[in-house]
Protein backbone atom coordinates (compact mmCIF):
# COMPACT_ATOMS: atom_id res chain seq x y z
CA MET A 1 -46.46 -14.47 -3.86
CA THR A 2 -43.79 -11.75 -3.95
CA GLU A 3 -44.04 -8.48 -2.08
CA HIS A 4 -42.07 -5.25 -2.37
CA GLU A 5 -40.92 -3.38 0.71
CA ASN A 6 -40.34 0.34 0.30
CA HIS A 7 -37.51 1.61 2.52
CA GLY A 8 -38.38 5.28 2.30
CA ASP A 9 -35.51 6.29 -0.05
CA GLY A 10 -37.27 5.16 -3.21
CA ALA A 11 -35.41 1.83 -3.33
CA GLN A 12 -37.37 -1.38 -3.21
CA VAL A 13 -36.15 -4.77 -2.05
CA ASN A 14 -37.82 -7.92 -3.33
CA THR A 15 -38.88 -10.30 -0.60
CA GLY A 16 -40.25 -13.81 -0.67
CA THR A 17 -43.17 -15.18 1.26
CA SER A 18 -40.97 -15.48 4.33
CA GLY A 19 -40.39 -11.74 4.38
CA GLU A 20 -36.60 -12.21 4.09
CA PRO A 21 -34.69 -10.15 1.49
CA ALA A 22 -34.19 -12.08 -1.73
CA GLU A 23 -31.14 -10.00 -2.65
CA ALA A 24 -28.06 -9.44 -0.51
CA ALA A 25 -27.69 -6.10 1.24
CA ALA A 26 -25.01 -3.67 0.04
CA ILE A 27 -21.68 -5.04 1.28
CA PRO A 28 -19.34 -2.40 2.75
CA GLU A 29 -15.84 -1.89 1.42
CA LEU A 30 -13.23 -3.06 3.94
CA VAL A 31 -9.65 -2.03 4.74
CA ILE A 32 -7.65 -3.95 7.35
CA ILE A 33 -4.89 -1.78 8.86
CA SER A 34 -1.98 -3.57 10.45
CA GLY A 35 1.79 -3.31 10.70
CA MET A 36 4.56 -2.53 13.13
CA SER A 37 3.86 -0.78 16.42
CA GLY A 38 5.08 2.78 16.06
CA ALA A 39 4.82 2.76 12.26
CA GLY A 40 1.73 4.99 12.17
CA ARG A 41 -1.34 2.76 12.39
CA SER A 42 -3.23 5.33 14.49
CA THR A 43 -2.42 8.11 12.03
CA ALA A 44 -3.56 5.98 9.10
CA ALA A 45 -6.79 5.08 10.90
CA LYS A 46 -7.47 8.73 11.78
CA CYS A 47 -6.91 9.72 8.17
CA LEU A 48 -9.47 7.18 6.95
CA GLU A 49 -11.88 8.36 9.63
CA ASP A 50 -11.48 11.92 8.31
CA LEU A 51 -12.24 10.59 4.82
CA GLY A 52 -15.56 9.22 6.05
CA TRP A 53 -14.63 5.63 6.85
CA PHE A 54 -16.12 3.87 9.88
CA VAL A 55 -13.02 2.91 11.89
CA VAL A 56 -12.81 0.16 14.52
CA ASP A 57 -9.60 -0.11 16.56
CA ASN A 58 -8.18 -3.41 17.86
CA LEU A 59 -11.02 -5.60 16.60
CA PRO A 60 -10.25 -9.33 16.94
CA PRO A 61 -9.84 -10.75 13.39
CA ALA A 62 -12.46 -13.42 14.10
CA LEU A 63 -15.06 -10.65 14.44
CA ILE A 64 -14.25 -8.88 11.16
CA PRO A 65 -16.91 -10.79 9.12
CA THR A 66 -19.49 -9.95 11.82
CA MET A 67 -18.53 -6.29 11.57
CA VAL A 68 -19.01 -6.39 7.80
CA ASP A 69 -22.39 -8.10 8.21
CA LEU A 70 -23.52 -5.36 10.59
CA GLY A 71 -22.39 -2.74 8.11
CA ALA A 72 -24.38 -4.46 5.36
CA ARG A 73 -27.52 -4.09 7.47
CA SER A 74 -27.05 -0.34 7.87
CA GLN A 75 -28.94 0.45 4.65
CA GLY A 76 -25.90 2.18 3.18
CA ASN A 77 -25.01 4.24 6.26
CA VAL A 78 -21.77 2.27 6.73
CA ALA A 79 -20.38 1.88 3.22
CA ARG A 80 -16.67 1.76 4.12
CA ILE A 81 -15.14 0.08 7.16
CA ALA A 82 -11.53 0.22 8.37
CA VAL A 83 -10.38 -2.24 11.02
CA VAL A 84 -7.11 -1.85 12.94
CA VAL A 85 -5.51 -5.19 13.84
CA ASP A 86 -2.36 -5.09 15.98
CA VAL A 87 -0.23 -7.15 18.36
CA ARG A 88 -2.58 -6.49 21.26
CA GLY A 89 -4.80 -9.02 19.51
CA ARG A 90 -1.97 -11.37 18.61
CA ARG A 91 -3.78 -14.44 19.96
CA PHE A 92 -6.41 -13.84 17.29
CA PHE A 93 -4.02 -13.83 14.32
CA ASP A 94 -4.59 -17.56 13.79
CA ASN A 95 -8.19 -16.65 12.91
CA LEU A 96 -7.28 -13.94 10.43
CA ARG A 97 -6.79 -16.19 7.40
CA GLU A 98 -10.11 -17.93 8.10
CA SER A 99 -11.83 -14.53 8.36
CA LEU A 100 -10.28 -13.39 5.05
CA ALA A 101 -11.48 -16.59 3.36
CA ASP A 102 -14.97 -15.94 4.75
CA LEU A 103 -14.91 -12.40 3.35
CA ALA A 104 -13.76 -13.65 -0.06
CA ALA A 105 -16.65 -16.13 -0.16
CA LYS A 106 -19.05 -13.22 0.45
CA ASN A 107 -17.43 -11.14 -2.32
CA VAL A 108 -16.38 -8.46 0.13
CA LYS A 109 -14.10 -5.85 -1.44
CA ARG A 110 -11.26 -5.86 1.06
CA ARG A 111 -7.68 -4.62 1.20
CA VAL A 112 -4.87 -5.13 3.71
CA LEU A 113 -2.75 -2.06 4.47
CA PHE A 114 0.56 -2.81 6.22
CA LEU A 115 2.61 -0.01 7.79
CA GLU A 116 6.34 -0.68 7.92
CA ALA A 117 9.34 1.17 9.36
CA SER A 118 13.03 0.46 9.94
CA ASP A 119 14.28 -0.76 13.32
CA GLU A 120 16.17 2.50 13.77
CA ALA A 121 13.07 4.62 13.16
CA LEU A 122 10.93 2.51 15.49
CA VAL A 123 13.49 2.59 18.30
CA ARG A 124 13.76 6.36 17.95
CA ARG A 125 9.97 6.77 18.12
CA PHE A 126 9.55 4.57 21.20
CA GLU A 127 12.42 6.30 22.98
CA SER A 128 11.00 9.75 22.17
CA VAL A 129 7.70 8.93 23.90
CA ARG A 130 9.45 6.90 26.66
CA ARG A 131 7.15 3.93 26.23
CA PRO A 132 8.09 0.25 26.04
CA HIS A 133 7.36 -1.84 22.98
CA PRO A 134 4.26 -3.99 23.65
CA LEU A 135 6.23 -7.20 23.01
CA GLN A 136 9.58 -6.43 24.65
CA GLY A 137 8.68 -7.85 28.07
CA ASP A 138 11.80 -7.73 30.22
CA GLY A 139 14.02 -7.26 27.18
CA ARG A 140 14.98 -4.29 25.05
CA ILE A 141 12.92 -2.36 22.53
CA VAL A 142 14.78 -4.07 19.69
CA ASP A 143 13.75 -7.46 21.13
CA GLY A 144 10.09 -6.46 20.97
CA ILE A 145 10.50 -5.17 17.41
CA ALA A 146 12.14 -8.44 16.31
CA ALA A 147 9.36 -10.49 17.91
CA GLU A 148 6.69 -8.37 16.23
CA ARG A 149 8.34 -8.64 12.80
CA ASP A 150 8.36 -12.40 13.12
CA LEU A 151 4.71 -12.43 14.22
CA LEU A 152 3.57 -10.23 11.32
CA ARG A 153 5.80 -11.66 8.58
CA GLU A 154 3.06 -13.66 6.87
CA LEU A 155 0.53 -10.84 7.06
CA ARG A 156 3.03 -8.43 5.52
CA GLY A 157 3.55 -10.84 2.64
CA ASP A 158 -0.20 -10.99 1.99
CA ALA A 159 -0.72 -7.21 2.20
CA ASP A 160 -2.20 -5.36 -0.76
CA LEU A 161 -0.40 -2.13 0.12
CA VAL A 162 2.79 -1.63 2.16
CA ILE A 163 3.77 1.89 3.22
CA ASP A 164 7.24 2.47 4.68
CA THR A 165 6.99 5.36 7.16
CA SER A 166 10.67 5.40 8.21
CA SER A 167 11.33 8.81 6.66
CA LEU A 168 7.76 10.16 6.71
CA ASN A 169 6.34 12.69 9.12
CA VAL A 170 2.66 12.70 10.09
CA HIS A 171 1.69 15.09 7.31
CA GLU A 172 3.51 13.08 4.65
CA LEU A 173 1.83 9.86 5.79
CA ARG A 174 -1.57 11.55 5.65
CA ALA A 175 -0.78 12.73 2.11
CA LYS A 176 0.02 9.14 1.10
CA MET A 177 -3.21 7.91 2.64
CA ASP A 178 -5.19 10.61 0.87
CA ALA A 179 -3.58 9.68 -2.44
CA GLN A 180 -4.50 6.02 -2.00
CA PHE A 181 -7.98 6.24 -0.47
CA ALA A 182 -9.53 9.62 -1.20
CA GLY A 183 -10.50 8.94 -4.82
CA GLU A 184 -14.16 8.59 -5.70
CA GLU A 185 -13.49 5.54 -7.87
CA GLU A 186 -10.77 3.04 -7.06
CA PRO A 187 -8.56 2.21 -10.08
CA GLU A 188 -8.00 -1.42 -11.05
CA LEU A 189 -4.26 -1.05 -10.43
CA ARG A 190 -2.19 1.78 -8.99
CA ALA A 191 1.59 1.83 -9.37
CA THR A 192 4.29 3.83 -7.63
CA VAL A 193 7.47 4.09 -9.70
CA MET A 194 10.25 4.91 -7.24
CA SER A 195 13.81 5.82 -8.17
CA PHE A 196 16.41 5.09 -5.48
CA GLY A 197 20.14 4.80 -4.82
CA TYR A 198 21.60 1.44 -3.91
CA LYS A 199 24.11 3.10 -1.61
CA TYR A 200 21.18 4.22 0.55
CA GLY A 201 19.57 0.77 0.68
CA LEU A 202 16.72 -1.00 -1.06
CA PRO A 203 13.19 0.40 -0.54
CA VAL A 204 11.57 -1.97 1.94
CA ASP A 205 8.12 -1.51 0.40
CA ALA A 206 9.19 -2.39 -3.17
CA ASP A 207 7.34 -5.20 -4.95
CA LEU A 208 9.64 -5.17 -7.98
CA VAL A 209 13.25 -3.95 -8.17
CA VAL A 210 15.24 -3.24 -11.34
CA ASP A 211 18.90 -2.18 -11.62
CA CYS A 212 20.10 0.55 -14.01
CA ARG A 213 23.76 0.38 -12.99
CA PHE A 214 24.62 -1.41 -16.24
CA LEU A 215 24.43 2.01 -17.93
CA PRO A 216 27.32 4.51 -17.80
CA ASN A 217 27.01 6.88 -14.87
CA PRO A 218 26.45 10.58 -15.72
CA HIS A 219 28.05 11.36 -12.36
CA TRP A 220 31.43 10.91 -14.02
CA VAL A 221 30.63 13.48 -16.73
CA PRO A 222 31.63 16.81 -15.12
CA GLU A 223 29.07 18.94 -16.95
CA LEU A 224 26.23 16.54 -16.03
CA ARG A 225 27.18 15.80 -12.42
CA PRO A 226 25.31 18.77 -10.85
CA PHE A 227 22.05 17.90 -12.61
CA THR A 228 19.52 15.07 -12.16
CA GLY A 229 17.64 12.68 -14.39
CA LEU A 230 14.90 15.31 -14.66
CA ASN A 231 17.27 17.41 -16.75
CA GLU A 232 16.97 16.86 -20.52
CA GLU A 233 20.74 16.70 -21.04
CA VAL A 234 21.07 13.92 -18.44
CA SER A 235 18.08 12.01 -19.82
CA SER A 236 19.42 12.24 -23.38
CA TYR A 237 22.82 11.03 -22.21
CA VAL A 238 21.27 8.02 -20.45
CA PHE A 239 19.03 6.97 -23.34
CA ASN A 240 21.76 7.41 -25.96
CA GLN A 241 23.75 4.66 -24.25
CA PRO A 242 23.72 1.17 -25.83
CA GLY A 243 20.88 -0.94 -24.43
CA ALA A 244 19.02 1.85 -22.61
CA LYS A 245 16.05 2.17 -24.98
CA GLU A 246 15.88 -1.60 -25.49
CA PHE A 247 15.84 -2.12 -21.74
CA LEU A 248 13.00 0.39 -21.31
CA ASP A 249 10.96 -1.24 -24.09
CA ARG A 250 11.38 -4.79 -22.80
CA TYR A 251 10.85 -3.96 -19.16
CA ALA A 252 7.68 -2.04 -20.02
CA GLU A 253 6.43 -5.08 -21.94
CA LEU A 254 7.23 -7.31 -18.98
CA LEU A 255 5.33 -4.98 -16.65
CA GLN A 256 2.29 -5.22 -18.94
CA LEU A 257 2.24 -8.99 -18.34
CA ILE A 258 2.76 -8.54 -14.60
CA ALA A 259 0.04 -5.86 -14.37
CA ALA A 260 -2.44 -8.15 -16.12
CA GLY A 261 -1.63 -10.90 -13.62
CA TYR A 262 -1.98 -8.53 -10.68
CA ARG A 263 -5.41 -7.52 -11.93
CA ARG A 264 -6.48 -11.16 -12.22
CA GLU A 265 -5.27 -11.84 -8.68
CA GLY A 266 -6.99 -8.74 -7.28
CA LYS A 267 -3.75 -6.96 -6.34
CA ARG A 268 -4.45 -3.24 -6.51
CA TYR A 269 -1.15 -1.62 -5.57
CA VAL A 270 2.42 -2.18 -6.76
CA THR A 271 5.66 -0.34 -6.04
CA ILE A 272 8.29 -0.59 -8.79
CA ALA A 273 11.74 0.43 -7.58
CA VAL A 274 14.29 1.58 -10.18
CA GLY A 275 17.81 1.83 -8.82
CA CYS A 276 21.21 3.22 -9.67
CA THR A 277 24.21 4.01 -7.49
CA GLY A 278 23.06 7.33 -5.99
CA GLY A 279 19.45 7.60 -7.12
CA LYS A 280 20.10 10.90 -8.88
CA HIS A 281 20.70 10.34 -12.59
CA ARG A 282 20.04 6.99 -14.31
CA SER A 283 17.22 5.72 -12.09
CA VAL A 284 15.44 9.09 -12.20
CA ALA A 285 15.66 9.30 -15.99
CA MET A 286 14.45 5.70 -16.39
CA SER A 287 11.56 6.19 -13.95
CA GLU A 288 10.41 9.29 -15.80
CA ARG A 289 10.23 7.31 -19.06
CA LEU A 290 8.77 4.16 -17.51
CA ALA A 291 5.81 5.75 -15.68
CA PRO A 292 4.10 7.09 -18.84
CA ARG A 293 4.35 3.62 -20.39
CA LEU A 294 2.36 2.20 -17.49
CA ALA A 295 -0.14 5.05 -17.58
CA ALA A 296 -0.73 4.37 -21.28
CA GLU A 297 -1.77 0.83 -20.33
CA GLY A 298 -4.44 2.09 -17.90
CA VAL A 299 -2.34 1.85 -14.72
CA GLU A 300 -2.73 4.88 -12.44
CA THR A 301 0.88 5.87 -11.82
CA VAL A 302 2.76 8.20 -9.49
CA ILE A 303 6.50 8.86 -9.50
CA VAL A 304 8.61 9.19 -6.34
CA HIS A 305 12.32 10.06 -6.41
CA ARG A 306 13.44 8.84 -3.01
CA ASP A 307 17.10 9.83 -3.03
CA MET A 308 17.36 12.48 -5.74
CA GLY A 309 17.96 15.30 -3.26
CA ARG A 310 20.70 13.56 -1.31
CA GLU A 311 24.39 14.35 -1.72
């Protein structure tokens, strides 16, 4: 005999003779926030809290599946959970992979957000608040940062989304979080196409890096030097060079294959870095042409020109 229990909101749950639900409860969406101390984990967590997520700070990884189970029993009151995992719980990191496997077996929609920053930025932040790094012990701040990077290396490699906060203020980080998590419906794949200059260093949060320095540099054309790749004259100059259009076509085709693989593997975020010498002309022009190609394939795409304003 099968009964129906009415839960007051019009929904009915089928139960067997034992009275136990025959169908699984609604499983909450999960985001695991981790990364370097001083990189902005607290700001990211506060932003998700403001967006309506249920946030738990410093939860041991072994207890994450239990937290999700409790959320599933809340009858929809806890639909999205964010858990902050940091070095204060470092003895629990051995359990994290087992917990993630447990979540995958339960078909939990989960993402790992990793917050990154350069050594210089982290040292500056710790010195400004006059606090020691949690892992420095009797050593220097840089010793604690090095130890933490080593501890979190594997987790960073497994992260779904890496945000480099080295040059971001609190408001800019919140804007990035809003862009990634505020949408009503999560896209299958979201891409950031970032132009950059090699002389300023590689973007540390890049998943894919491509080099446009094989093309002639508009910097050496006096009438083009003051402009950027956003200017039509510069863009036309770049794409009238031998190999430029062919490169764009073939790289866009390659990204279609990669995007399909990312979707199959459940990867939801990708940062594609496009570089030239100064990040002002060739990489900007190429990024502006590449992003619409991705968007046409159903990839939600944003463009960031990291170094365009630098001299």
